[in-house]
Each structure stands twice: as structure tokens, then as C-alpha cells.
Amino acid sequence: MQVLELVRAAEAATGKTAKIRLQPGPAGDVVHTEADAGALRALLGRGPATPVEEGLARFVAWYRDYHGEAAELTPRRSLRRQSGK
């Protein structure tokens, strides 16, 4: 799954439109990978049970139920600021 596909799935799950600012990747960043979960599937005898889109939708539903329907799904502060670094 490409990053923009994940963003679109998150948009569908939340009903919100992402504000996307495309930036060049950091020096040395991997542009393309041949990552394959085939070995894990072979070892376990099965693959993922929940599609990403379904998992995101279920997470958003749980989050809104737990925190209230109007709860924001975005962090208010970065982890760096929270840890004081």
C-alpha cells in the first residue's frame, strides 16, 4: 500500500479531507522497496485477517465511541514537545 492510498483510506474512515503537503524525502530515504510478507504468511500459514481500510474504519469508530463523537483524531502536540526535548 502506498502512503497516499493510506491517506485516502484514513480520509474515507474519518470523513475528513487531509491537507497534503508533498515534500522531498530525506537524503538516503528508500524510494522503492520489494518488501513482501510472503515469508511471514508461509511461517504462520495465513495472512492478515483485516484489510487496512476496514481496520481504519473500525479504529475510528472505536476512538469516537471511547472519546466522544466530536473528539479530534489529530495529536494536539508533538511527542517531542511532550517529552520536553
Protein backbone atom coordinates (compact mmCIF):
# COMPACT_ATOMS: atom_id res chain seq x y z
CA MET A 1 0.00 0.00 0.00
CA GLN A 2 1.35 3.39 -0.96
CA VAL A 3 1.29 6.29 1.52
CA LEU A 4 -1.29 8.22 -0.49
CA GLU A 5 -3.53 5.14 -0.55
CA LEU A 6 -3.31 5.01 3.24
CA VAL A 7 -4.15 8.73 3.43
CA ARG A 8 -7.21 8.17 1.20
CA ALA A 9 -8.32 5.26 3.39
CA ALA A 10 -7.96 7.46 6.50
CA GLU A 11 -9.97 10.20 4.78
CA ALA A 12 -12.74 7.72 3.99
CA ALA A 13 -12.76 6.39 7.55
CA THR A 14 -12.87 9.83 9.17
CA GLY A 15 -14.98 11.68 6.64
CA LYS A 16 -12.33 14.39 6.54
CA THR A 17 -10.02 15.60 3.80
CA ALA A 18 -6.28 15.58 4.54
CA LYS A 19 -4.20 18.66 3.92
CA ILE A 20 -1.33 17.15 1.95
CA ARG A 21 1.96 18.96 1.51
CA LEU A 22 4.29 16.87 -0.62
CA GLN A 23 7.92 17.30 0.36
CA PRO A 24 11.11 15.71 -0.91
CA GLY A 25 12.20 12.73 1.12
CA PRO A 26 15.25 12.89 3.37
CA ALA A 27 18.65 12.08 1.93
CA GLY A 28 19.15 8.33 1.78
CA ASP A 29 15.42 7.59 2.06
CA VAL A 30 14.30 4.35 0.39
CA VAL A 31 12.26 5.32 -2.67
CA HIS A 32 11.11 1.81 -3.57
CA THR A 33 11.10 -1.43 -1.66
CA GLU A 34 10.35 -5.01 -2.56
CA ALA A 35 9.07 -5.78 0.94
CA ASP A 36 6.95 -8.90 0.93
CA ALA A 37 5.11 -10.54 3.77
CA GLY A 38 5.19 -13.89 1.93
CA ALA A 39 7.71 -15.45 4.33
CA LEU A 40 5.57 -14.46 7.31
CA ARG A 41 2.47 -15.87 5.63
CA ALA A 42 4.33 -19.11 4.91
CA LEU A 43 5.54 -19.32 8.52
CA LEU A 44 2.14 -18.62 10.07
CA GLY A 45 0.08 -20.32 7.42
CA ARG A 46 -2.16 -17.29 6.95
CA GLY A 47 -2.10 -13.60 6.08
CA PRO A 48 -3.72 -10.52 7.58
CA ALA A 49 -7.33 -11.11 8.60
CA THR A 50 -8.47 -7.48 8.36
CA PRO A 51 -7.98 -5.22 5.33
CA VAL A 52 -6.35 -1.87 6.16
CA GLU A 53 -9.43 0.11 5.13
CA GLU A 54 -11.67 -1.94 7.41
CA GLY A 55 -9.21 -1.73 10.30
CA LEU A 56 -9.00 2.06 9.98
CA ALA A 57 -12.79 2.39 9.89
CA ARG A 58 -13.12 0.16 12.97
CA PHE A 59 -10.41 2.13 14.82
CA VAL A 60 -12.08 5.47 14.03
CA ALA A 61 -15.45 4.11 15.21
CA TRP A 62 -13.87 2.83 18.46
CA TYR A 63 -11.97 6.11 19.01
CA ARG A 64 -15.08 8.22 18.54
CA ASP A 65 -17.12 5.92 20.79
CA TYR A 66 -14.45 5.98 23.51
CA HIS A 67 -13.54 9.68 23.34
CA GLY A 68 -16.86 11.09 22.15
CA GLU A 69 -18.15 11.72 18.65
CA ALA A 70 -16.59 15.21 18.45
CA ALA A 71 -13.13 14.01 19.53
CA GLU A 72 -10.31 15.12 17.27
CA LEU A 73 -8.21 12.42 15.65
CA THR A 74 -5.09 14.57 15.42
CA PRO A 75 -2.47 14.99 18.14
CA ARG A 76 -2.51 18.38 19.86
CA ARG A 77 1.25 18.43 20.44
CA SER A 78 4.17 16.50 19.07
CA LEU A 79 5.77 13.79 21.18
CA ARG A 80 8.99 15.76 21.18
CA ARG A 81 7.29 18.71 22.89
CA GLN A 82 5.51 16.43 25.36
CA SER A 83 8.77 14.83 26.47
CA GLY A 84 10.41 18.23 26.92
CA LYS A 85 13.18 17.59 24.35
